Amino acid sequence: MDKQVSLKNSWSFTAKLKDYMQLMKFTLSFTVVFSCVVCYLMAPNISKESWSWSMIILLFIAGMLVTGSANAINQAEEKDTDAMMKRTATRPVASGRMSINEAWTFATVSGVIGFVMLYEYFNLLSAIVAVISLVLYSFVYTPLKKVNSIAVLVGAFPGALPCLIGWTAATNDLSMGGWILFGIQFLWQFPHFWAIAWVAHVDYSKAGFKLLPADKGPTKFTAVQAILYSVLMIPVGLLPYFIGMSGLVSFIILIAANLFILWQSIRLYREMDVKAARRVMFSSYIYLPIVLLALLANKL
């Protein structure tokens, strides 16, 4: 009997842990915090010899807590719309496995701890940037998704601010290098997110989300927008080389990565189908880690 109770408790703990990982969108949060940590390591005052693994781990934990808080708020606010979509219906709040109050409690506690960690172990500026990012994502971008497609533009700001959080955590200033990294991740989000919105258009429309730039859904206009932002990514991607943040090899890698995204966006314009949109989406998934790691490698 005791063994059965122990197994039941173990199962309940595992199930609850999985729910919290889903609530904070662990994989997405990990990707966001990855860019934050890499940008921290790219700061001019952080050399290979001065790397502190304890500080890197602290930044990673703080970033995961803040990002997880924002994602939890997002799910609490979108409980009903998440339940309408096949892709999100199994999320803990949408499915009813977790109450809205529990989600808000998790969001509040994790957010506060994350902000305090940034302030105590790094600096006030990085904590302020993190607060701005969370507020924009949770209370501006999230409700705006049902109002107008300008939500994608608004959402691109908190989507790129992790770069500045990492940079300011290291430098305690908003210098040019941080803004360039912000610009790279800011522009990257447009072809990336529009490709996702194209693939998930039916689900998004059912939930009332207006995320594509054209009211009529996946159109040539959306594909053209993806091309235009892919073109803008090219000159911004060259800036690290001209201010000394990258060497020749990373310069070439950035050019190749930007041209690859542009080519996939052009193929979307030509083919106008979900398969082509999915290619843009997966290309964008690999673009960011390749670009950030290429820039980081210049310091190694």
C-alpha atoms as a PDB file:
ATOM      1  CA  MET A   1       0.000   0.000   0.000  1.00  0.00           C
ATOM      2  CA  ASP A   2       2.815   2.392   0.959  1.00  0.00           C
ATOM      3  CA  LYS A   3       4.573   1.556  -2.311  1.00  0.00           C
ATOM      4  CA  GLN A   4       1.420   2.401  -4.289  1.00  0.00           C
ATOM      5  CA  VAL A   5       1.091   5.738  -2.466  1.00  0.00           C
ATOM      6  CA  SER A   6       4.770   6.484  -3.136  1.00  0.00           C
ATOM      7  CA  LEU A   7       4.373   5.701  -6.835  1.00  0.00           C
ATOM      8  CA  LYS A   8       1.234   7.864  -7.014  1.00  0.00           C
ATOM      9  CA  ASN A   9       3.007  10.776  -5.311  1.00  0.00           C
ATOM     10  CA  SER A  10       5.977  10.363  -7.638  1.00  0.00           C
ATOM     11  CA  TRP A  11       3.693  10.380 -10.668  1.00  0.00           C
ATOM     12  CA  SER A  12       1.856  13.461  -9.370  1.00  0.00           C
ATOM     13  CA  PHE A  13       5.133  15.309  -8.809  1.00  0.00           C
ATOM     14  CA  THR A  14       6.386  14.408 -12.294  1.00  0.00           C
ATOM     15  CA  ALA A  15       3.090  15.469 -13.875  1.00  0.00           C
ATOM     16  CA  LYS A  16       3.116  18.780 -11.982  1.00  0.00           C
ATOM     17  CA  LEU A  17       6.740  19.425 -12.961  1.00  0.00           C
ATOM     18  CA  LYS A  18       5.864  18.811 -16.608  1.00  0.00           C
ATOM     19  CA  ASP A  19       2.960  21.250 -16.289  1.00  0.00           C
ATOM     20  CA  TYR A  20       5.225  23.973 -14.909  1.00  0.00           C
ATOM     21  CA  MET A  21       7.767  23.368 -17.672  1.00  0.00           C
ATOM     22  CA  GLN A  22       4.960  23.670 -20.214  1.00  0.00           C
ATOM     23  CA  LEU A  23       3.618  26.768 -18.459  1.00  0.00           C
ATOM     24  CA  MET A  24       6.967  28.535 -18.780  1.00  0.00           C
ATOM     25  CA  LYS A  25       7.434  27.154 -22.340  1.00  0.00           C
ATOM     26  CA  PHE A  26      10.764  25.684 -21.319  1.00  0.00           C
ATOM     27  CA  THR A  27      12.185  25.142 -24.825  1.00  0.00           C
ATOM     28  CA  LEU A  28      11.229  28.654 -25.979  1.00  0.00           C
ATOM     29  CA  SER A  29      12.540  30.169 -22.742  1.00  0.00           C
ATOM     30  CA  PHE A  30      15.814  28.267 -23.136  1.00  0.00           C
ATOM     31  CA  THR A  31      16.232  29.666 -26.668  1.00  0.00           C
ATOM     32  CA  VAL A  32      15.542  33.215 -25.456  1.00  0.00           C
ATOM     33  CA  VAL A  33      17.976  32.926 -22.542  1.00  0.00           C
ATOM     34  CA  PHE A  34      20.597  31.398 -24.833  1.00  0.00           C
ATOM     35  CA  SER A  35      20.732  34.663 -26.803  1.00  0.00           C
ATOM     36  CA  CYS A  36      20.885  36.607 -23.523  1.00  0.00           C
ATOM     37  CA  VAL A  37      23.876  34.616 -22.234  1.00  0.00           C
ATOM     38  CA  VAL A  38      25.730  34.703 -25.571  1.00  0.00           C
ATOM     39  CA  CYS A  39      25.308  38.493 -25.769  1.00  0.00           C
ATOM     40  CA  TYR A  40      26.609  38.744 -22.180  1.00  0.00           C
ATOM     41  CA  LEU A  41      29.718  36.801 -23.208  1.00  0.00           C
ATOM     42  CA  MET A  42      30.192  38.996 -26.283  1.00  0.00           C
ATOM     43  CA  ALA A  43      30.421  42.186 -24.200  1.00  0.00           C
ATOM     44  CA  PRO A  44      33.856  43.854 -24.476  1.00  0.00           C
ATOM     45  CA  ASN A  45      34.583  43.656 -20.746  1.00  0.00           C
ATOM     46  CA  ILE A  46      33.975  39.881 -20.635  1.00  0.00           C
ATOM     47  CA  SER A  47      37.069  38.109 -21.941  1.00  0.00           C
ATOM     48  CA  LYS A  48      37.639  34.380 -22.267  1.00  0.00           C
ATOM     49  CA  GLU A  49      40.049  34.557 -19.339  1.00  0.00           C
ATOM     50  CA  SER A  50      37.529  36.398 -17.139  1.00  0.00           C
ATOM     51  CA  TRP A  51      34.556  34.120 -17.775  1.00  0.00           C
ATOM     52  CA  SER A  52      32.853  33.234 -14.516  1.00  0.00           C
ATOM     53  CA  TRP A  53      30.749  30.105 -14.762  1.00  0.00           C
ATOM     54  CA  SER A  54      28.914  31.042 -11.579  1.00  0.00           C
ATOM     55  CA  MET A  55      27.856  34.382 -13.129  1.00  0.00           C
ATOM     56  CA  ILE A  56      26.850  32.667 -16.372  1.00  0.00           C
ATOM     57  CA  ILE A  57      24.702  30.185 -14.442  1.00  0.00           C
ATOM     58  CA  LEU A  58      23.147  32.969 -12.354  1.00  0.00           C
ATOM     59  CA  LEU A  59      22.282  34.932 -15.510  1.00  0.00           C
ATOM     60  CA  PHE A  60      20.807  31.804 -17.086  1.00  0.00           C
ATOM     61  CA  ILE A  61      18.625  31.098 -14.044  1.00  0.00           C
ATOM     62  CA  ALA A  62      17.481  34.721 -13.745  1.00  0.00           C
ATOM     63  CA  GLY A  63      16.694  34.817 -17.462  1.00  0.00           C
ATOM     64  CA  MET A  64      14.716  31.577 -17.298  1.00  0.00           C
ATOM     65  CA  LEU A  65      12.698  32.894 -14.343  1.00  0.00           C
ATOM     66  CA  VAL A  66      11.819  36.206 -16.039  1.00  0.00           C
ATOM     67  CA  THR A  67      11.052  34.586 -19.393  1.00  0.00           C
ATOM     68  CA  GLY A  68       9.072  31.825 -17.706  1.00  0.00           C
ATOM     69  CA  SER A  69       7.080  34.472 -15.838  1.00  0.00           C
ATOM     70  CA  ALA A  70       6.180  36.245 -19.079  1.00  0.00           C
ATOM     71  CA  ASN A  71       5.123  32.974 -20.718  1.00  0.00           C
ATOM     72  CA  ALA A  72       3.019  32.010 -17.701  1.00  0.00           C
ATOM     73  CA  ILE A  73       1.212  35.372 -17.834  1.00  0.00           C
ATOM     74  CA  ASN A  74       0.666  34.827 -21.555  1.00  0.00           C
ATOM     75  CA  GLN A  75      -1.016  31.470 -20.907  1.00  0.00           C
ATOM     76  CA  ALA A  76      -3.121  32.837 -18.054  1.00  0.00           C
ATOM     77  CA  GLU A  77      -4.359  35.659 -20.305  1.00  0.00           C
ATOM     78  CA  GLU A  78      -4.954  33.407 -23.313  1.00  0.00           C
ATOM     79  CA  LYS A  79      -6.601  30.482 -21.532  1.00  0.00           C
ATOM     80  CA  ASP A  80      -9.718  30.537 -23.697  1.00  0.00           C
ATOM     81  CA  THR A  81      -7.997  31.106 -27.032  1.00  0.00           C
ATOM     82  CA  ASP A  82      -5.372  28.439 -26.278  1.00  0.00           C
ATOM     83  CA  ALA A  83      -8.212  25.979 -25.699  1.00  0.00           C
ATOM     84  CA  MET A  84      -9.510  26.677 -29.234  1.00  0.00           C
ATOM     85  CA  MET A  85      -6.292  25.672 -30.979  1.00  0.00           C
ATOM     86  CA  LYS A  86      -5.055  22.118 -31.409  1.00  0.00           C
ATOM     87  CA  ARG A  87      -1.425  23.204 -30.949  1.00  0.00           C
ATOM     88  CA  THR A  88      -2.056  24.823 -27.551  1.00  0.00           C
ATOM     89  CA  ALA A  89      -5.132  23.045 -26.187  1.00  0.00           C
ATOM     90  CA  THR A  90      -3.047  20.727 -23.991  1.00  0.00           C
ATOM     91  CA  ARG A  91      -1.313  23.579 -22.144  1.00  0.00           C
ATOM     92  CA  PRO A  92      -1.930  23.285 -18.381  1.00  0.00           C
ATOM     93  CA  VAL A  93      -4.174  26.362 -17.955  1.00  0.00           C
ATOM     94  CA  ALA A  94      -6.079  25.895 -21.215  1.00  0.00           C
ATOM     95  CA  SER A  95      -6.761  22.232 -20.457  1.00  0.00           C
ATOM     96  CA  GLY A  96      -7.892  22.973 -16.881  1.00  0.00           C
ATOM     97  CA  ARG A  97      -5.079  21.032 -15.190  1.00  0.00           C
ATOM     98  CA  MET A  98      -3.889  24.293 -13.614  1.00  0.00           C
ATOM     99  CA  SER A  99      -5.934  27.217 -12.347  1.00  0.00           C
ATOM    100  CA  ILE A 100      -5.393  30.788 -13.510  1.00  0.00           C
ATOM    101  CA  ASN A 101      -4.522  31.762  -9.920  1.00  0.00           C
ATOM    102  CA  GLU A 102      -1.799  29.122  -9.799  1.00  0.00           C
ATOM    103  CA  ALA A 103      -0.364  30.354 -13.086  1.00  0.00           C
ATOM    104  CA  TRP A 104      -0.365  33.959 -11.850  1.00  0.00           C
ATOM    105  CA  THR A 105       1.269  32.909  -8.580  1.00  0.00           C
ATOM    106  CA  PHE A 106       4.041  31.130 -10.468  1.00  0.00           C
ATOM    107  CA  ALA A 107       4.463  34.135 -12.768  1.00  0.00           C
ATOM    108  CA  THR A 108       4.666  36.590  -9.881  1.00  0.00           C
ATOM    109  CA  VAL A 109       7.097  34.576  -7.773  1.00  0.00           C
ATOM    110  CA  SER A 110       9.415  33.609 -10.641  1.00  0.00           C
ATOM    111  CA  GLY A 111       9.360  37.133 -12.095  1.00  0.00           C
ATOM    112  CA  VAL A 112      10.212  38.816  -8.795  1.00  0.00           C
ATOM    113  CA  ILE A 113      13.021  36.355  -8.051  1.00  0.00           C
ATOM    114  CA  GLY A 114      14.422  36.810 -11.567  1.00  0.00           C
ATOM    115  CA  PHE A 115      14.419  40.619 -11.292  1.00  0.00           C
ATOM    116  CA  VAL A 116      16.008  40.541  -7.844  1.00  0.00           C
ATOM    117  CA  MET A 117      18.746  38.216  -9.124  1.00  0.00           C
ATOM    118  CA  LEU A 118      19.544  40.530 -12.024  1.00  0.00           C
ATOM    119  CA  TYR A 119      19.707  43.511  -9.690  1.00  0.00           C
ATOM    120  CA  GLU A 120      21.717  41.817  -6.929  1.00  0.00           C
ATOM    121  CA  TYR A 121      24.219  39.866  -9.021  1.00  0.00           C
ATOM    122  CA  PHE A 122      24.492  42.139 -12.060  1.00  0.00           C
ATOM    123  CA  ASN A 123      23.059  45.669 -12.088  1.00  0.00           C
ATOM    124  CA  LEU A 124      19.900  47.746 -11.949  1.00  0.00           C
ATOM    125  CA  LEU A 125      19.941  48.516 -15.687  1.00  0.00           C
ATOM    126  CA  SER A 126      19.684  44.862 -16.717  1.00  0.00           C
ATOM    127  CA  ALA A 127      16.790  44.383 -14.260  1.00  0.00           C
ATOM    128  CA  ILE A 128      14.988  47.443 -15.693  1.00  0.00           C
ATOM    129  CA  VAL A 129      15.397  46.171 -19.270  1.00  0.00           C
ATOM    130  CA  ALA A 130      13.996  42.808 -18.136  1.00  0.00           C
ATOM    131  CA  VAL A 131      10.958  44.528 -16.550  1.00  0.00           C
ATOM    132  CA  ILE A 132      10.334  46.469 -19.763  1.00  0.00           C
ATOM    133  CA  SER A 133      10.576  43.258 -21.786  1.00  0.00           C
ATOM    134  CA  LEU A 134       8.092  41.404 -19.572  1.00  0.00           C
ATOM    135  CA  VAL A 135       5.584  44.283 -19.528  1.00  0.00           C
ATOM    136  CA  LEU A 136       5.716  44.741 -23.310  1.00  0.00           C
ATOM    137  CA  TYR A 137       5.290  41.022 -23.965  1.00  0.00           C
ATOM    138  CA  SER A 138       2.647  40.246 -21.359  1.00  0.00           C
ATOM    139  CA  PHE A 139       0.525  43.383 -21.254  1.00  0.00           C
ATOM    140  CA  VAL A 140       0.950  45.019 -24.666  1.00  0.00           C
ATOM    141  CA  TYR A 141       1.837  42.382 -27.262  1.00  0.00           C
ATOM    142  CA  THR A 142      -0.375  39.586 -25.898  1.00  0.00           C
ATOM    143  CA  PRO A 143      -3.707  41.497 -25.905  1.00  0.00           C
ATOM    144  CA  LEU A 144      -2.796  43.319 -29.136  1.00  0.00           C
ATOM    145  CA  LYS A 145      -2.630  40.014 -31.045  1.00  0.00           C
ATOM    146  CA  LYS A 146      -6.429  40.075 -31.334  1.00  0.00           C
ATOM    147  CA  VAL A 147      -6.594  43.710 -32.399  1.00  0.00           C
ATOM    148  CA  ASN A 148      -4.125  44.303 -35.207  1.00  0.00           C
ATOM    149  CA  SER A 149      -1.145  42.677 -36.931  1.00  0.00           C
ATOM    150  CA  ILE A 150       1.010  45.535 -35.624  1.00  0.00           C
ATOM    151  CA  ALA A 151       1.293  43.187 -32.620  1.00  0.00           C
ATOM    152  CA  VAL A 152       4.161  41.472 -34.462  1.00  0.00           C
ATOM    153  CA  LEU A 153       6.098  44.755 -34.572  1.00  0.00           C
ATOM    154  CA  VAL A 154       5.379  45.402 -30.900  1.00  0.00           C
ATOM    155  CA  GLY A 155       6.287  41.832 -29.959  1.00  0.00           C
ATOM    156  CA  ALA A 156       9.614  42.090 -31.781  1.00  0.00           C
ATOM    157  CA  PHE A 157      10.843  44.517 -29.096  1.00  0.00           C
ATOM    158  CA  PRO A 158      10.554  42.164 -26.100  1.00  0.00           C
ATOM    159  CA  GLY A 159      11.687  39.385 -28.429  1.00  0.00           C
ATOM    160  CA  ALA A 160      15.001  41.179 -29.010  1.00  0.00           C
ATOM    161  CA  LEU A 161      15.489  42.726 -25.554  1.00  0.00           C
ATOM    162  CA  PRO A 162      17.170  39.574 -24.147  1.00  0.00           C
ATOM    163  CA  CYS A 163      20.210  40.635 -26.188  1.00  0.00           C
ATOM    164  CA  LEU A 164      20.261  43.949 -24.327  1.00  0.00           C
ATOM    165  CA  ILE A 165      19.629  42.248 -20.984  1.00  0.00           C
ATOM    166  CA  GLY A 166      22.729  40.129 -21.473  1.00  0.00           C
ATOM    167  CA  TRP A 167      24.794  43.048 -22.778  1.00  0.00           C
ATOM    168  CA  THR A 168      23.795  45.415 -19.970  1.00  0.00           C
ATOM    169  CA  ALA A 169      24.308  42.675 -17.351  1.00  0.00           C
ATOM    170  CA  ALA A 170      27.956  42.686 -18.432  1.00  0.00           C
ATOM    171  CA  THR A 171      28.570  46.360 -19.279  1.00  0.00           C
ATOM    172  CA  ASN A 172      25.951  48.290 -17.279  1.00  0.00           C
ATOM    173  CA  ASP A 173      25.422  50.518 -20.324  1.00  0.00           C
ATOM    174  CA  LEU A 174      23.430  50.651 -23.560  1.00  0.00           C
ATOM    175  CA  SER A 175      26.376  50.909 -25.949  1.00  0.00           C
ATOM    176  CA  MET A 176      26.416  50.322 -29.691  1.00  0.00           C
ATOM    177  CA  GLY A 177      27.378  46.657 -29.583  1.00  0.00           C
ATOM    178  CA  GLY A 178      24.287  45.803 -27.572  1.00  0.00           C
ATOM    179  CA  TRP A 179      22.018  47.723 -29.935  1.00  0.00           C
ATOM    180  CA  ILE A 180      23.505  45.952 -32.960  1.00  0.00           C
ATOM    181  CA  LEU A 181      22.812  42.556 -31.392  1.00  0.00           C
ATOM    182  CA  PHE A 182      19.316  43.805 -30.548  1.00  0.00           C
ATOM    183  CA  GLY A 183      18.855  44.890 -34.184  1.00  0.00           C
ATOM    184  CA  ILE A 184      19.906  41.493 -35.551  1.00  0.00           C
ATOM    185  CA  GLN A 185      17.418  39.632 -33.350  1.00  0.00           C
ATOM    186  CA  PHE A 186      14.717  42.286 -33.861  1.00  0.00           C
ATOM    187  CA  LEU A 187      14.704  41.989 -37.671  1.00  0.00           C
ATOM    188  CA  TRP A 188      15.084  38.195 -37.595  1.00  0.00           C
ATOM    189  CA  GLN A 189      11.720  37.865 -35.880  1.00  0.00           C
ATOM    190  CA  PHE A 190       9.659  39.122 -38.827  1.00  0.00           C
ATOM    191  CA  PRO A 191      10.334  36.362 -41.393  1.00  0.00           C
ATOM    192  CA  HIS A 192      10.498  33.909 -38.470  1.00  0.00           C
ATOM    193  CA  PHE A 193       7.134  34.819 -36.957  1.00  0.00           C
ATOM    194  CA  TRP A 194       5.280  35.385 -40.212  1.00  0.00           C
ATOM    195  CA  ALA A 195       6.357  31.917 -41.330  1.00  0.00           C
ATOM    196  CA  ILE A 196       4.917  30.471 -38.099  1.00  0.00           C
ATOM    197  CA  ALA A 197       1.716  32.498 -38.549  1.00  0.00           C
ATOM    198  CA  TRP A 198       1.461  31.255 -42.154  1.00  0.00           C
ATOM    199  CA  VAL A 199       1.792  27.604 -41.111  1.00  0.00           C
ATOM    200  CA  ALA A 200      -0.639  27.994 -38.186  1.00  0.00           C
ATOM    201  CA  HIS A 201      -3.001  30.413 -39.958  1.00  0.00           C
ATOM    202  CA  VAL A 202      -6.126  28.252 -39.594  1.00  0.00           C
ATOM    203  CA  ASP A 203      -5.615  27.797 -35.847  1.00  0.00           C
ATOM    204  CA  TYR A 204      -4.726  31.446 -35.307  1.00  0.00           C
ATOM    205  CA  SER A 205      -7.765  32.637 -37.246  1.00  0.00           C
ATOM    206  CA  LYS A 206     -10.019  30.360 -35.205  1.00  0.00           C
ATOM    207  CA  ALA A 207      -8.698  31.994 -32.034  1.00  0.00           C
ATOM    208  CA  GLY A 208      -9.124  35.498 -33.462  1.00  0.00           C
ATOM    209  CA  PHE A 209      -5.419  36.332 -33.720  1.00  0.00           C
ATOM    210  CA  LYS A 210      -4.445  38.881 -36.366  1.00  0.00           C
ATOM    211  CA  LEU A 211      -0.773  38.222 -36.936  1.00  0.00           C
ATOM    212  CA  LEU A 212      -0.204  38.251 -40.683  1.00  0.00           C
ATOM    213  CA  PRO A 213       0.343  41.670 -42.332  1.00  0.00           C
ATOM    214  CA  ALA A 214      -2.513  41.064 -44.795  1.00  0.00           C
ATOM    215  CA  ASP A 215      -6.118  40.786 -43.576  1.00  0.00           C
ATOM    216  CA  LYS A 216      -6.812  38.081 -46.158  1.00  0.00           C
ATOM    217  CA  GLY A 217      -4.304  35.708 -44.609  1.00  0.00           C
ATOM    218  CA  PRO A 218      -1.289  34.172 -46.371  1.00  0.00           C
ATOM    219  CA  THR A 219      -0.850  36.349 -49.454  1.00  0.00           C
ATOM    220  CA  LYS A 220       1.898  37.661 -51.734  1.00  0.00           C
ATOM    221  CA  PHE A 221       1.991  40.761 -49.538  1.00  0.00           C
ATOM    222  CA  THR A 222       3.052  38.669 -46.524  1.00  0.00           C
ATOM    223  CA  ALA A 223       5.779  36.995 -48.587  1.00  0.00           C
ATOM    224  CA  VAL A 224       7.009  40.390 -49.812  1.00  0.00           C
ATOM    225  CA  GLN A 225       7.188  41.628 -46.230  1.00  0.00           C
ATOM    226  CA  ALA A 226       9.287  38.598 -45.298  1.00  0.00           C
ATOM    227  CA  ILE A 227      11.620  39.386 -48.204  1.00  0.00           C
ATOM    228  CA  LEU A 228      11.945  43.055 -47.231  1.00  0.00           C
ATOM    229  CA  TYR A 229      12.886  42.269 -43.635  1.00  0.00           C
ATOM    230  CA  SER A 230      15.280  39.574 -44.832  1.00  0.00           C
ATOM    231  CA  VAL A 231      16.961  42.217 -47.010  1.00  0.00           C
ATOM    232  CA  LEU A 232      17.203  44.590 -44.017  1.00  0.00           C
ATOM    233  CA  MET A 233      18.910  41.828 -42.034  1.00  0.00           C
ATOM    234  CA  ILE A 234      21.879  41.883 -44.422  1.00  0.00           C
ATOM    235  CA  PRO A 235      23.330  45.379 -43.688  1.00  0.00           C
ATOM    236  CA  VAL A 236      22.580  45.054 -39.967  1.00  0.00           C
ATOM    237  CA  GLY A 237      24.341  41.696 -39.979  1.00  0.00           C
ATOM    238  CA  LEU A 238      27.454  43.362 -41.400  1.00  0.00           C
ATOM    239  CA  LEU A 239      27.714  45.954 -38.635  1.00  0.00           C
ATOM    240  CA  PRO A 240      29.523  43.695 -36.101  1.00  0.00           C
ATOM    241  CA  TYR A 241      32.437  43.380 -38.542  1.00  0.00           C
ATOM    242  CA  PHE A 242      32.752  47.121 -39.077  1.00  0.00           C
ATOM    243  CA  ILE A 243      32.852  47.932 -35.362  1.00  0.00           C
ATOM    244  CA  GLY A 244      35.300  45.140 -34.589  1.00  0.00           C
ATOM    245  CA  MET A 245      32.903  42.642 -32.984  1.00  0.00           C
ATOM    246  CA  SER A 246      33.582  39.941 -35.585  1.00  0.00           C
ATOM    247  CA  GLY A 247      36.408  38.642 -37.731  1.00  0.00           C
ATOM    248  CA  LEU A 248      36.456  37.664 -41.393  1.00  0.00           C
ATOM    249  CA  VAL A 249      35.178  34.115 -40.818  1.00  0.00           C
ATOM    250  CA  SER A 250      32.179  35.210 -38.744  1.00  0.00           C
ATOM    251  CA  PHE A 251      31.590  38.027 -41.265  1.00  0.00           C
ATOM    252  CA  ILE A 252      31.296  35.436 -44.052  1.00  0.00           C
ATOM    253  CA  ILE A 253      29.046  33.192 -41.918  1.00  0.00           C
ATOM    254  CA  LEU A 254      26.687  36.101 -41.219  1.00  0.00           C
ATOM    255  CA  ILE A 255      26.475  37.019 -44.913  1.00  0.00           C
ATOM    256  CA  ALA A 256      25.776  33.396 -45.872  1.00  0.00           C
ATOM    257  CA  ALA A 257      23.124  33.005 -43.135  1.00  0.00           C
ATOM    258  CA  ASN A 258      21.372  36.229 -44.154  1.00  0.00           C
ATOM    259  CA  LEU A 259      21.394  35.312 -47.827  1.00  0.00           C
ATOM    260  CA  PHE A 260      20.007  31.877 -46.956  1.00  0.00           C
ATOM    261  CA  ILE A 261      17.035  33.403 -45.088  1.00  0.00           C
ATOM    262  CA  LEU A 262      16.476  35.806 -47.984  1.00  0.00           C
ATOM    263  CA  TRP A 263      16.480  32.934 -50.470  1.00  0.00           C
ATOM    264  CA  GLN A 264      13.933  30.977 -48.420  1.00  0.00           C
ATOM    265  CA  SER A 265      11.697  34.074 -48.247  1.00  0.00           C
ATOM    266  CA  ILE A 266      11.947  34.465 -52.042  1.00  0.00           C
ATOM    267  CA  ARG A 267      10.970  30.811 -52.431  1.00  0.00           C
ATOM    268  CA  LEU A 268       7.943  31.496 -50.226  1.00  0.00           C
ATOM    269  CA  TYR A 269       6.920  34.310 -52.612  1.00  0.00           C
ATOM    270  CA  ARG A 270       7.307  32.001 -55.595  1.00  0.00           C
ATOM    271  CA  GLU A 271       5.617  28.911 -54.181  1.00  0.00           C
ATOM    272  CA  MET A 272       3.041  30.443 -51.806  1.00  0.00           C
ATOM    273  CA  ASP A 273       2.352  27.313 -49.776  1.00  0.00           C
ATOM    274  CA  VAL A 274       2.720  25.939 -46.264  1.00  0.00           C
ATOM    275  CA  LYS A 275       5.709  23.828 -47.271  1.00  0.00           C
ATOM    276  CA  ALA A 276       7.649  26.931 -48.312  1.00  0.00           C
ATOM    277  CA  ALA A 277       6.568  28.772 -45.138  1.00  0.00           C
ATOM    278  CA  ARG A 278       7.770  25.829 -43.069  1.00  0.00           C
ATOM    279  CA  ARG A 279      11.167  26.083 -44.782  1.00  0.00           C
ATOM    280  CA  VAL A 280      11.414  29.746 -43.760  1.00  0.00           C
ATOM    281  CA  MET A 281      10.387  28.801 -40.220  1.00  0.00           C
ATOM    282  CA  PHE A 282      12.986  26.049 -39.787  1.00  0.00           C
ATOM    283  CA  SER A 283      15.664  28.129 -41.515  1.00  0.00           C
ATOM    284  CA  SER A 284      15.043  30.904 -39.000  1.00  0.00           C
ATOM    285  CA  TYR A 285      15.333  28.416 -36.117  1.00  0.00           C
ATOM    286  CA  ILE A 286      18.896  27.551 -37.108  1.00  0.00           C
ATOM    287  CA  TYR A 287      19.825  31.096 -38.195  1.00  0.00           C
ATOM    288  CA  LEU A 288      20.001  32.697 -34.758  1.00  0.00           C
ATOM    289  CA  PRO A 289      22.235  30.168 -32.954  1.00  0.00           C
ATOM    290  CA  ILE A 290      24.587  30.012 -35.960  1.00  0.00           C
ATOM    291  CA  VAL A 291      24.908  33.802 -36.125  1.00  0.00           C
ATOM    292  CA  LEU A 292      25.313  34.323 -32.371  1.00  0.00           C
ATOM    293  CA  LEU A 293      27.810  31.487 -31.981  1.00  0.00           C
ATOM    294  CA  ALA A 294      29.782  32.746 -35.003  1.00  0.00           C
ATOM    295  CA  LEU A 295      30.044  36.171 -33.361  1.00  0.00           C
ATOM    296  CA  LEU A 296      30.969  34.632 -30.006  1.00  0.00           C
ATOM    297  CA  ALA A 297      33.633  32.442 -31.630  1.00  0.00           C
ATOM    298  CA  ASN A 298      35.432  35.618 -32.696  1.00  0.00           C
ATOM    299  CA  LYS A 299      36.283  36.209 -29.021  1.00  0.00           C
ATOM    300  CA  LEU A 300      37.559  32.679 -28.380  1.00  0.00           C
END
